[in-house]
Amino acid sequence: MSEESYPVANVRGQEVPYDPEQLRRISEHPCFSEKACHSFGRMHLAVAPKCNIQCKYCIRDFDCVNESRPGVTSQVLKPKEALERVDQVLEKYHYIKVVAVAGPGEPLFNEETFETLRMVGEKYPNIILCLSTNGLLLPDKIQELDRLGVCNITVTLNAIDPQIGQHIYDYVNYEGKRYEGLEAATLLCNQQLKGIEEAVRLKKIVKINTVIIPGINDLHIIDIAHKIKSMGVFIHNVMPLIPQYKFAHIKPPSPEEKRKIQDELGKIIKQMRHCRQCRSDAIGKLGCDVQQEFESRTKEQA
């Protein structure tokens, strides 16, 4: 399916056209448009260290400059430092169109996320504000994100069946209480779906990330695709498992296996095929990151 095939979102059986501003935010966002990734860049601001769930495939390392994967950053920034980083980057690289918070923990579980987005949005009103989330707090925070002008949202959704989800997460912390097992997976799934529905209703452009975990959710991903398509999600990104933590023993899908899955899913919903599984402090075009240049500058100034 080509990008031109998606001028509308299908929400609850009704076709809802994207408006010109939404189309601009798609055409200039390198993660939402494969064409855009050749011309435009993004920067991730690592201001959110705390997380409220524990995935069995996730290890967050805050000081690992030679590794590129989600959850990795060389430095956790304060909101003021993050704004200074944006100033430095935009002064030199004019092709940066997107500023996002993607970790290294859960952005919506860190107040620094909201302060950072507020400051960046006020100073750079034309920048595309973006956020990646596990979705647990999305129903609770979507109105605040809307007020801040966040328009592109990525939700990591690995299961819509809690019976499957319980094998992916160790625990979930919500409103001061810790949940485990099936109870945790049910809570997380309900919150994720509720948040996605509300985000689409507020005209956010939504991308779903799904980690392919062989033997656990690989046969379930087609169900996820059907569900998110019916909800009006714009694009789906399936990512191979990076074996680590409790899933270190699981062999990830090969590139050929991943492409086969994408081909099947592409019959249902638009697929992102150019993902680089970026770091939490990535800067630049996809596959051409320049974050170390600005990390060095910040340390010299300190």
C-alpha atoms as a PDB file:
ATOM      1  CA  MET A   1       0.000   0.000   0.000  1.00  0.00           C
ATOM      2  CA  SER A   2       1.348   3.414  -0.933  1.00  0.00           C
ATOM      3  CA  GLU A   3       1.188   6.502   1.237  1.00  0.00           C
ATOM      4  CA  GLU A   4      -1.256   7.988  -1.260  1.00  0.00           C
ATOM      5  CA  SER A   5      -3.663   5.191  -0.307  1.00  0.00           C
ATOM      6  CA  TYR A   6      -4.113   6.688   3.165  1.00  0.00           C
ATOM      7  CA  PRO A   7      -5.820  10.075   2.789  1.00  0.00           C
ATOM      8  CA  VAL A   8      -8.377   9.058   5.445  1.00  0.00           C
ATOM      9  CA  ALA A   9      -8.552   7.263   8.760  1.00  0.00           C
ATOM     10  CA  ASN A  10     -11.177   4.572   9.203  1.00  0.00           C
ATOM     11  CA  VAL A  11     -12.649   5.113  12.657  1.00  0.00           C
ATOM     12  CA  ARG A  12     -15.454   2.836  13.820  1.00  0.00           C
ATOM     13  CA  GLY A  13     -16.412   2.104  10.244  1.00  0.00           C
ATOM     14  CA  GLN A  14     -16.445   5.743   9.171  1.00  0.00           C
ATOM     15  CA  GLU A  15     -13.868   7.373   6.922  1.00  0.00           C
ATOM     16  CA  VAL A  16     -12.418  10.501   8.537  1.00  0.00           C
ATOM     17  CA  PRO A  17     -10.236  12.598   6.191  1.00  0.00           C
ATOM     18  CA  TYR A  18      -6.862  13.821   7.381  1.00  0.00           C
ATOM     19  CA  ASP A  19      -6.711  17.617   7.341  1.00  0.00           C
ATOM     20  CA  PRO A  20      -3.827  19.538   5.686  1.00  0.00           C
ATOM     21  CA  GLU A  21      -1.963  20.017   8.977  1.00  0.00           C
ATOM     22  CA  GLN A  22      -2.120  16.297   9.752  1.00  0.00           C
ATOM     23  CA  LEU A  23      -0.837  15.519   6.262  1.00  0.00           C
ATOM     24  CA  ARG A  24       2.086  17.927   6.829  1.00  0.00           C
ATOM     25  CA  ARG A  25       2.938  16.186  10.090  1.00  0.00           C
ATOM     26  CA  ILE A  26       2.982  12.884   8.266  1.00  0.00           C
ATOM     27  CA  SER A  27       4.977  14.114   5.265  1.00  0.00           C
ATOM     28  CA  GLU A  28       7.704  15.701   7.444  1.00  0.00           C
ATOM     29  CA  HIS A  29       8.007  12.961  10.059  1.00  0.00           C
ATOM     30  CA  PRO A  30      10.706  10.411   9.124  1.00  0.00           C
ATOM     31  CA  CYS A  31       9.086   7.642  11.190  1.00  0.00           C
ATOM     32  CA  PHE A  32       5.610   8.105   9.771  1.00  0.00           C
ATOM     33  CA  SER A  33       6.682   8.533   6.135  1.00  0.00           C
ATOM     34  CA  GLU A  34       9.365   6.567   4.324  1.00  0.00           C
ATOM     35  CA  LYS A  35       9.719   9.436   1.852  1.00  0.00           C
ATOM     36  CA  ALA A  36      10.330  11.884   4.698  1.00  0.00           C
ATOM     37  CA  CYS A  37      13.160   9.832   6.190  1.00  0.00           C
ATOM     38  CA  HIS A  38      15.370  10.743   3.204  1.00  0.00           C
ATOM     39  CA  SER A  39      14.838  14.498   3.620  1.00  0.00           C
ATOM     40  CA  PHE A  40      13.959  15.200   7.243  1.00  0.00           C
ATOM     41  CA  GLY A  41      15.315  14.259  10.658  1.00  0.00           C
ATOM     42  CA  ARG A  42      14.202  13.915  14.255  1.00  0.00           C
ATOM     43  CA  MET A  43      15.746  14.355  17.654  1.00  0.00           C
ATOM     44  CA  HIS A  44      14.914  12.425  20.799  1.00  0.00           C
ATOM     45  CA  LEU A  45      15.257  14.175  24.144  1.00  0.00           C
ATOM     46  CA  ALA A  46      16.219  11.727  26.896  1.00  0.00           C
ATOM     47  CA  VAL A  47      14.472  13.422  29.821  1.00  0.00           C
ATOM     48  CA  ALA A  48      12.376  10.530  31.174  1.00  0.00           C
ATOM     49  CA  PRO A  49      14.418   8.006  33.215  1.00  0.00           C
ATOM     50  CA  LYS A  50      11.668   6.375  35.303  1.00  0.00           C
ATOM     51  CA  CYS A  51       9.439   3.579  34.021  1.00  0.00           C
ATOM     52  CA  ASN A  52       6.146   2.174  35.309  1.00  0.00           C
ATOM     53  CA  ILE A  53       6.268  -1.287  33.737  1.00  0.00           C
ATOM     54  CA  GLN A  54       8.935  -3.950  33.351  1.00  0.00           C
ATOM     55  CA  CYS A  55       9.024  -5.687  29.997  1.00  0.00           C
ATOM     56  CA  LYS A  56      10.830  -9.018  29.916  1.00  0.00           C
ATOM     57  CA  TYR A  57      12.887  -7.837  26.910  1.00  0.00           C
ATOM     58  CA  CYS A  58      13.937  -4.438  28.255  1.00  0.00           C
ATOM     59  CA  ILE A  59      17.129  -3.244  29.910  1.00  0.00           C
ATOM     60  CA  ARG A  60      17.638   0.506  30.149  1.00  0.00           C
ATOM     61  CA  ASP A  61      21.292   1.596  30.098  1.00  0.00           C
ATOM     62  CA  PHE A  62      21.906   5.311  30.560  1.00  0.00           C
ATOM     63  CA  ASP A  63      25.563   5.366  29.489  1.00  0.00           C
ATOM     64  CA  CYS A  64      26.232   3.308  26.395  1.00  0.00           C
ATOM     65  CA  VAL A  65      27.464   5.359  23.433  1.00  0.00           C
ATOM     66  CA  ASN A  66      28.309   2.395  21.214  1.00  0.00           C
ATOM     67  CA  GLU A  67      24.972   0.620  21.363  1.00  0.00           C
ATOM     68  CA  SER A  68      21.887   1.556  19.373  1.00  0.00           C
ATOM     69  CA  ARG A  69      18.589   0.283  20.694  1.00  0.00           C
ATOM     70  CA  PRO A  70      15.501   1.676  22.437  1.00  0.00           C
ATOM     71  CA  GLY A  71      16.114   2.532  26.096  1.00  0.00           C
ATOM     72  CA  VAL A  72      19.759   3.496  25.610  1.00  0.00           C
ATOM     73  CA  THR A  73      21.048   7.023  26.150  1.00  0.00           C
ATOM     74  CA  SER A  74      24.425   8.499  27.014  1.00  0.00           C
ATOM     75  CA  GLN A  75      22.970  11.202  29.225  1.00  0.00           C
ATOM     76  CA  VAL A  76      19.658  11.984  30.934  1.00  0.00           C
ATOM     77  CA  LEU A  77      18.845  15.668  30.434  1.00  0.00           C
ATOM     78  CA  LYS A  78      16.950  18.134  32.579  1.00  0.00           C
ATOM     79  CA  PRO A  79      14.222  20.080  30.718  1.00  0.00           C
ATOM     80  CA  LYS A  80      16.356  23.233  30.502  1.00  0.00           C
ATOM     81  CA  GLU A  81      19.287  21.205  29.154  1.00  0.00           C
ATOM     82  CA  ALA A  82      16.954  19.584  26.657  1.00  0.00           C
ATOM     83  CA  LEU A  83      15.826  22.968  25.331  1.00  0.00           C
ATOM     84  CA  GLU A  84      19.458  24.043  24.999  1.00  0.00           C
ATOM     85  CA  ARG A  85      20.125  20.838  23.049  1.00  0.00           C
ATOM     86  CA  VAL A  86      17.239  21.683  20.723  1.00  0.00           C
ATOM     87  CA  ASP A  87      18.701  25.170  20.193  1.00  0.00           C
ATOM     88  CA  GLN A  88      22.087  23.695  19.286  1.00  0.00           C
ATOM     89  CA  VAL A  89      20.680  21.096  16.922  1.00  0.00           C
ATOM     90  CA  LEU A  90      18.239  23.349  15.067  1.00  0.00           C
ATOM     91  CA  GLU A  91      20.920  25.988  14.596  1.00  0.00           C
ATOM     92  CA  LYS A  92      23.094  23.525  12.691  1.00  0.00           C
ATOM     93  CA  TYR A  93      20.697  20.981  11.182  1.00  0.00           C
ATOM     94  CA  HIS A  94      17.747  22.678   9.555  1.00  0.00           C
ATOM     95  CA  TYR A  95      16.314  19.402   8.303  1.00  0.00           C
ATOM     96  CA  ILE A  96      15.243  18.437  11.842  1.00  0.00           C
ATOM     97  CA  LYS A  97      11.451  18.692  11.852  1.00  0.00           C
ATOM     98  CA  VAL A  98      10.526  16.506  14.819  1.00  0.00           C
ATOM     99  CA  VAL A  99      11.337  16.761  18.531  1.00  0.00           C
ATOM    100  CA  ALA A 100      10.312  13.706  20.536  1.00  0.00           C
ATOM    101  CA  VAL A 101      10.536  12.223  24.003  1.00  0.00           C
ATOM    102  CA  ALA A 102      11.092   8.474  23.768  1.00  0.00           C
ATOM    103  CA  GLY A 103      12.658   7.490  27.076  1.00  0.00           C
ATOM    104  CA  PRO A 104      14.884   6.066  28.313  1.00  0.00           C
ATOM    105  CA  GLY A 105      11.986   5.161  30.627  1.00  0.00           C
ATOM    106  CA  GLU A 106       8.279   5.880  30.164  1.00  0.00           C
ATOM    107  CA  PRO A 107       7.759   9.524  29.103  1.00  0.00           C
ATOM    108  CA  LEU A 108       4.281   9.824  30.619  1.00  0.00           C
ATOM    109  CA  PHE A 109       5.606   8.635  34.006  1.00  0.00           C
ATOM    110  CA  ASN A 110       8.044  11.585  34.221  1.00  0.00           C
ATOM    111  CA  GLU A 111       6.940  15.170  34.828  1.00  0.00           C
ATOM    112  CA  GLU A 112      10.102  16.340  33.051  1.00  0.00           C
ATOM    113  CA  THR A 113       8.508  15.174  29.798  1.00  0.00           C
ATOM    114  CA  PHE A 114       5.685  17.679  30.022  1.00  0.00           C
ATOM    115  CA  GLU A 115       7.914  20.583  31.044  1.00  0.00           C
ATOM    116  CA  THR A 116      10.275  19.811  28.167  1.00  0.00           C
ATOM    117  CA  LEU A 117       7.475  19.598  25.596  1.00  0.00           C
ATOM    118  CA  ARG A 118       5.989  22.847  26.906  1.00  0.00           C
ATOM    119  CA  MET A 119       9.252  24.765  26.580  1.00  0.00           C
ATOM    120  CA  VAL A 120      10.097  23.365  23.157  1.00  0.00           C
ATOM    121  CA  GLY A 121       6.586  23.991  21.833  1.00  0.00           C
ATOM    122  CA  GLU A 122       6.524  27.582  23.068  1.00  0.00           C
ATOM    123  CA  LYS A 123       9.898  28.421  21.512  1.00  0.00           C
ATOM    124  CA  TYR A 124       9.432  26.445  18.291  1.00  0.00           C
ATOM    125  CA  PRO A 125       5.696  26.459  17.470  1.00  0.00           C
ATOM    126  CA  ASN A 126       6.190  24.931  14.028  1.00  0.00           C
ATOM    127  CA  ILE A 127       8.197  21.935  15.205  1.00  0.00           C
ATOM    128  CA  ILE A 128       6.399  18.588  15.247  1.00  0.00           C
ATOM    129  CA  LEU A 129       6.126  17.386  18.840  1.00  0.00           C
ATOM    130  CA  CYS A 130       6.150  13.620  19.184  1.00  0.00           C
ATOM    131  CA  LEU A 131       6.060  11.098  22.007  1.00  0.00           C
ATOM    132  CA  SER A 132       6.556   7.348  22.443  1.00  0.00           C
ATOM    133  CA  THR A 133       4.771   5.568  25.270  1.00  0.00           C
ATOM    134  CA  ASN A 134       3.884   2.154  26.631  1.00  0.00           C
ATOM    135  CA  GLY A 135       0.328   3.494  26.840  1.00  0.00           C
ATOM    136  CA  LEU A 136      -0.406   2.761  30.493  1.00  0.00           C
ATOM    137  CA  LEU A 137      -0.954   6.435  31.341  1.00  0.00           C
ATOM    138  CA  LEU A 138      -2.121   7.559  27.910  1.00  0.00           C
ATOM    139  CA  PRO A 139      -5.846   7.857  28.821  1.00  0.00           C
ATOM    140  CA  ASP A 140      -4.891   9.900  31.883  1.00  0.00           C
ATOM    141  CA  LYS A 141      -2.444  12.207  30.086  1.00  0.00           C
ATOM    142  CA  ILE A 142      -3.850  12.570  26.562  1.00  0.00           C
ATOM    143  CA  GLN A 143      -5.662  15.835  27.333  1.00  0.00           C
ATOM    144  CA  GLU A 144      -2.450  17.370  28.655  1.00  0.00           C
ATOM    145  CA  LEU A 145      -0.547  16.172  25.592  1.00  0.00           C
ATOM    146  CA  ASP A 146      -3.229  17.750  23.433  1.00  0.00           C
ATOM    147  CA  ARG A 147      -2.865  21.084  25.244  1.00  0.00           C
ATOM    148  CA  LEU A 148       0.900  20.949  24.716  1.00  0.00           C
ATOM    149  CA  GLY A 149       0.454  20.434  20.983  1.00  0.00           C
ATOM    150  CA  VAL A 150       1.784  16.873  20.757  1.00  0.00           C
ATOM    151  CA  CYS A 151       0.445  15.578  17.448  1.00  0.00           C
ATOM    152  CA  ASN A 152       2.296  12.327  16.700  1.00  0.00           C
ATOM    153  CA  ILE A 153       2.131   9.494  19.237  1.00  0.00           C
ATOM    154  CA  THR A 154       3.712   6.049  19.158  1.00  0.00           C
ATOM    155  CA  VAL A 155       2.357   3.337  21.443  1.00  0.00           C
ATOM    156  CA  THR A 156       4.169   0.040  22.024  1.00  0.00           C
ATOM    157  CA  LEU A 157       1.406  -2.558  21.893  1.00  0.00           C
ATOM    158  CA  ASN A 158       2.649  -6.151  22.075  1.00  0.00           C
ATOM    159  CA  ALA A 159      -0.643  -7.894  22.784  1.00  0.00           C
ATOM    160  CA  ILE A 160      -4.374  -7.226  22.828  1.00  0.00           C
ATOM    161  CA  ASP A 161      -5.029 -10.524  24.604  1.00  0.00           C
ATOM    162  CA  PRO A 162      -3.990 -10.366  28.278  1.00  0.00           C
ATOM    163  CA  GLN A 163      -3.449 -14.133  28.240  1.00  0.00           C
ATOM    164  CA  ILE A 164      -0.546 -13.442  25.881  1.00  0.00           C
ATOM    165  CA  GLY A 165       0.483 -10.158  27.470  1.00  0.00           C
ATOM    166  CA  GLN A 166       1.058 -11.761  30.867  1.00  0.00           C
ATOM    167  CA  HIS A 167       4.060 -13.596  29.383  1.00  0.00           C
ATOM    168  CA  ILE A 168       5.642 -10.321  28.176  1.00  0.00           C
ATOM    169  CA  TYR A 169       5.579  -8.163  31.322  1.00  0.00           C
ATOM    170  CA  ASP A 170       6.976  -8.765  34.805  1.00  0.00           C
ATOM    171  CA  TYR A 171       4.834  -6.118  36.465  1.00  0.00           C
ATOM    172  CA  VAL A 172       2.887  -2.892  36.028  1.00  0.00           C
ATOM    173  CA  ASN A 173       2.839   0.032  38.480  1.00  0.00           C
ATOM    174  CA  TYR A 174      -0.333   2.114  38.313  1.00  0.00           C
ATOM    175  CA  GLU A 175      -1.581   4.733  40.779  1.00  0.00           C
ATOM    176  CA  GLY A 176       0.830   3.548  43.445  1.00  0.00           C
ATOM    177  CA  LYS A 177      -0.078  -0.132  43.214  1.00  0.00           C
ATOM    178  CA  ARG A 178       1.961  -2.956  41.704  1.00  0.00           C
ATOM    179  CA  TYR A 179       0.202  -5.510  39.507  1.00  0.00           C
ATOM    180  CA  GLU A 180       1.592  -8.788  38.209  1.00  0.00           C
ATOM    181  CA  GLY A 181       0.593 -11.631  35.927  1.00  0.00           C
ATOM    182  CA  LEU A 182      -2.776 -11.647  34.195  1.00  0.00           C
ATOM    183  CA  GLU A 183      -4.044  -8.732  36.284  1.00  0.00           C
ATOM    184  CA  ALA A 184      -1.140  -6.553  35.120  1.00  0.00           C
ATOM    185  CA  ALA A 185      -1.559  -7.526  31.473  1.00  0.00           C
ATOM    186  CA  THR A 186      -5.318  -6.875  31.568  1.00  0.00           C
ATOM    187  CA  LEU A 187      -4.858  -3.443  33.114  1.00  0.00           C
ATOM    188  CA  LEU A 188      -2.147  -2.486  30.625  1.00  0.00           C
ATOM    189  CA  CYS A 189      -4.109  -3.701  27.602  1.00  0.00           C
ATOM    190  CA  ASN A 190      -7.278  -1.878  28.645  1.00  0.00           C
ATOM    191  CA  GLN A 191      -5.379   1.352  29.221  1.00  0.00           C
ATOM    192  CA  GLN A 192      -3.494   1.073  25.934  1.00  0.00           C
ATOM    193  CA  LEU A 193      -6.631   0.552  23.856  1.00  0.00           C
ATOM    194  CA  LYS A 194      -8.494   3.309  25.685  1.00  0.00           C
ATOM    195  CA  GLY A 195      -5.594   5.714  25.165  1.00  0.00           C
ATOM    196  CA  ILE A 196      -5.226   4.888  21.473  1.00  0.00           C
ATOM    197  CA  GLU A 197      -8.950   5.407  20.918  1.00  0.00           C
ATOM    198  CA  GLU A 198      -8.848   8.790  22.637  1.00  0.00           C
ATOM    199  CA  ALA A 199      -5.705   9.859  20.780  1.00  0.00           C
ATOM    200  CA  VAL A 200      -7.317   9.110  17.425  1.00  0.00           C
ATOM    201  CA  ARG A 201     -10.455  10.970  18.503  1.00  0.00           C
ATOM    202  CA  LEU A 202      -8.301  14.018  19.242  1.00  0.00           C
ATOM    203  CA  LYS A 203      -6.812  13.764  15.720  1.00  0.00           C
ATOM    204  CA  LYS A 204      -3.411  12.537  16.830  1.00  0.00           C
ATOM    205  CA  ILE A 205      -1.464  10.596  14.213  1.00  0.00           C
ATOM    206  CA  VAL A 206      -0.834   7.262  15.869  1.00  0.00           C
ATOM    207  CA  LYS A 207       1.857   4.682  15.177  1.00  0.00           C
ATOM    208  CA  ILE A 208       1.849   1.309  16.905  1.00  0.00           C
ATOM    209  CA  ASN A 209       5.124  -0.477  17.661  1.00  0.00           C
ATOM    210  CA  THR A 210       4.941  -4.230  18.189  1.00  0.00           C
ATOM    211  CA  VAL A 211       7.960  -6.298  19.202  1.00  0.00           C
ATOM    212  CA  ILE A 212       7.962  -9.686  17.459  1.00  0.00           C
ATOM    213  CA  ILE A 213       8.664 -12.265  20.187  1.00  0.00           C
ATOM    214  CA  PRO A 214       8.820 -15.739  18.614  1.00  0.00           C
ATOM    215  CA  GLY A 215       6.838 -18.325  20.525  1.00  0.00           C
ATOM    216  CA  ILE A 216       4.940 -15.687  22.484  1.00  0.00           C
ATOM    217  CA  ASN A 217       3.173 -13.104  20.305  1.00  0.00           C
ATOM    218  CA  ASP A 218       4.312 -13.803  16.740  1.00  0.00           C
ATOM    219  CA  LEU A 219       1.067 -15.578  15.782  1.00  0.00           C
ATOM    220  CA  HIS A 220      -0.969 -12.906  17.590  1.00  0.00           C
ATOM    221  CA  ILE A 221       0.347  -9.907  15.657  1.00  0.00           C
ATOM    222  CA  ILE A 222      -2.232 -10.270  12.896  1.00  0.00           C
ATOM    223  CA  ASP A 223      -4.963  -9.820  15.524  1.00  0.00           C
ATOM    224  CA  ILE A 224      -3.233  -6.665  16.717  1.00  0.00           C
ATOM    225  CA  ALA A 225      -3.116  -5.351  13.145  1.00  0.00           C
ATOM    226  CA  HIS A 226      -6.843  -5.908  12.597  1.00  0.00           C
ATOM    227  CA  LYS A 227      -7.674  -4.235  15.906  1.00  0.00           C
ATOM    228  CA  ILE A 228      -5.571  -1.112  15.444  1.00  0.00           C
ATOM    229  CA  LYS A 229      -6.736  -0.714  11.842  1.00  0.00           C
ATOM    230  CA  SER A 230     -10.337  -0.658  13.082  1.00  0.00           C
ATOM    231  CA  MET A 231      -9.370   2.035  15.608  1.00  0.00           C
ATOM    232  CA  GLY A 232      -7.965   4.452  13.018  1.00  0.00           C
ATOM    233  CA  VAL A 233      -4.238   3.959  13.672  1.00  0.00           C
ATOM    234  CA  PHE A 234      -2.148   5.360  10.805  1.00  0.00           C
ATOM    235  CA  ILE A 235       0.827   3.008  10.664  1.00  0.00           C
ATOM    236  CA  HIS A 236       2.121  -0.197  12.254  1.00  0.00           C
ATOM    237  CA  ASN A 237       5.783  -0.927  12.990  1.00  0.00           C
ATOM    238  CA  VAL A 238       6.780  -4.501  13.801  1.00  0.00           C
ATOM    239  CA  MET A 239      10.268  -4.794  15.275  1.00  0.00           C
ATOM    240  CA  PRO A 240      12.360  -7.906  15.844  1.00  0.00           C
ATOM    241  CA  LEU A 241      13.078  -8.803  19.441  1.00  0.00           C
ATOM    242  CA  ILE A 242      16.508  -7.770  20.711  1.00  0.00           C
ATOM    243  CA  PRO A 243      17.324 -10.785  22.931  1.00  0.00           C
ATOM    244  CA  GLN A 244      18.169  -9.573  26.435  1.00  0.00           C
ATOM    245  CA  TYR A 245      17.025  -9.745  30.070  1.00  0.00           C
ATOM    246  CA  LYS A 246      14.503 -12.606  30.496  1.00  0.00           C
ATOM    247  CA  PHE A 247      14.142 -13.098  26.747  1.00  0.00           C
ATOM    248  CA  ALA A 248      17.881 -13.402  26.126  1.00  0.00           C
ATOM    249  CA  HIS A 249      17.394 -17.041  25.158  1.00  0.00           C
ATOM    250  CA  ILE A 250      14.817 -16.356  22.422  1.00  0.00           C
ATOM    251  CA  LYS A 251      16.072 -16.284  18.846  1.00  0.00           C
ATOM    252  CA  PRO A 252      14.759 -13.172  17.081  1.00  0.00           C
ATOM    253  CA  PRO A 253      13.087 -13.388  13.674  1.00  0.00           C
ATOM    254  CA  SER A 254      15.425 -13.143  10.695  1.00  0.00           C
ATOM    255  CA  PRO A 255      15.118 -10.206   8.276  1.00  0.00           C
ATOM    256  CA  GLU A 256      13.371 -12.546   5.842  1.00  0.00           C
ATOM    257  CA  GLU A 257      10.894 -13.686   8.497  1.00  0.00           C
ATOM    258  CA  LYS A 258      10.220 -10.092   9.472  1.00  0.00           C
ATOM    259  CA  ARG A 259       9.570  -9.111   5.844  1.00  0.00           C
ATOM    260  CA  LYS A 260       7.154 -12.008   5.452  1.00  0.00           C
ATOM    261  CA  ILE A 261       5.235 -10.839   8.519  1.00  0.00           C
ATOM    262  CA  GLN A 262       5.186  -7.266   7.196  1.00  0.00           C
ATOM    263  CA  ASP A 263       3.905  -8.443   3.831  1.00  0.00           C
ATOM    264  CA  GLU A 264       0.975 -10.196   5.510  1.00  0.00           C
ATOM    265  CA  LEU A 265       0.252  -7.279   7.828  1.00  0.00           C
ATOM    266  CA  GLY A 266       0.523  -4.850   4.927  1.00  0.00           C
ATOM    267  CA  LYS A 267      -2.676  -6.302   3.523  1.00  0.00           C
ATOM    268  CA  ILE A 268      -4.392  -4.982   6.637  1.00  0.00           C
ATOM    269  CA  ILE A 269      -2.635  -1.764   7.678  1.00  0.00           C
ATOM    270  CA  LYS A 270       0.205   0.415   6.430  1.00  0.00           C
ATOM    271  CA  GLN A 271       3.594  -0.905   7.560  1.00  0.00           C
ATOM    272  CA  MET A 272       6.690   1.048   8.594  1.00  0.00           C
ATOM    273  CA  ARG A 273       9.521  -0.805   6.884  1.00  0.00           C
ATOM    274  CA  HIS A 274      12.381   1.618   7.522  1.00  0.00           C
ATOM    275  CA  CYS A 275      12.613   1.532  11.343  1.00  0.00           C
ATOM    276  CA  ARG A 276      16.112   1.637  12.898  1.00  0.00           C
ATOM    277  CA  GLN A 277      15.016   0.893  16.514  1.00  0.00           C
ATOM    278  CA  CYS A 278      16.493   4.202  17.630  1.00  0.00           C
ATOM    279  CA  ARG A 279      18.187   5.203  20.860  1.00  0.00           C
ATOM    280  CA  SER A 280      16.455   7.472  23.359  1.00  0.00           C
ATOM    281  CA  ASP A 281      18.862  10.297  22.451  1.00  0.00           C
ATOM    282  CA  ALA A 282      18.941   9.839  18.657  1.00  0.00           C
ATOM    283  CA  ILE A 283      19.501  12.958  16.531  1.00  0.00           C
ATOM    284  CA  GLY A 284      19.540  13.240  12.759  1.00  0.00           C
ATOM    285  CA  LYS A 285      18.118  11.284   9.864  1.00  0.00           C
ATOM    286  CA  LEU A 286      17.234   7.640  10.393  1.00  0.00           C
ATOM    287  CA  GLY A 287      20.435   5.646  10.146  1.00  0.00           C
ATOM    288  CA  CYS A 288      22.618   8.800  10.189  1.00  0.00           C
ATOM    289  CA  ASP A 289      22.648   9.858  13.830  1.00  0.00           C
ATOM    290  CA  VAL A 290      24.813  12.747  15.041  1.00  0.00           C
ATOM    291  CA  GLN A 291      23.946  12.666  18.761  1.00  0.00           C
ATOM    292  CA  GLN A 292      27.527  12.148  19.925  1.00  0.00           C
ATOM    293  CA  GLU A 293      28.515  15.510  18.463  1.00  0.00           C
ATOM    294  CA  PHE A 294      26.105  17.335  20.752  1.00  0.00           C
ATOM    295  CA  GLU A 295      26.778  15.134  23.752  1.00  0.00           C
ATOM    296  CA  SER A 296      30.447  16.111  23.547  1.00  0.00           C
ATOM    297  CA  ARG A 297      29.589  19.794  23.273  1.00  0.00           C
ATOM    298  CA  THR A 298      27.363  19.650  26.355  1.00  0.00           C
ATOM    299  CA  LYS A 299      30.063  17.947  28.448  1.00  0.00           C
ATOM    300  CA  GLU A 300      32.668  20.499  27.365  1.00  0.00           C
ATOM    301  CA  GLN A 301      30.400  23.376  28.418  1.00  0.00           C
ATOM    302  CA  ALA A 302      29.849  21.725  31.807  1.00  0.00           C
END
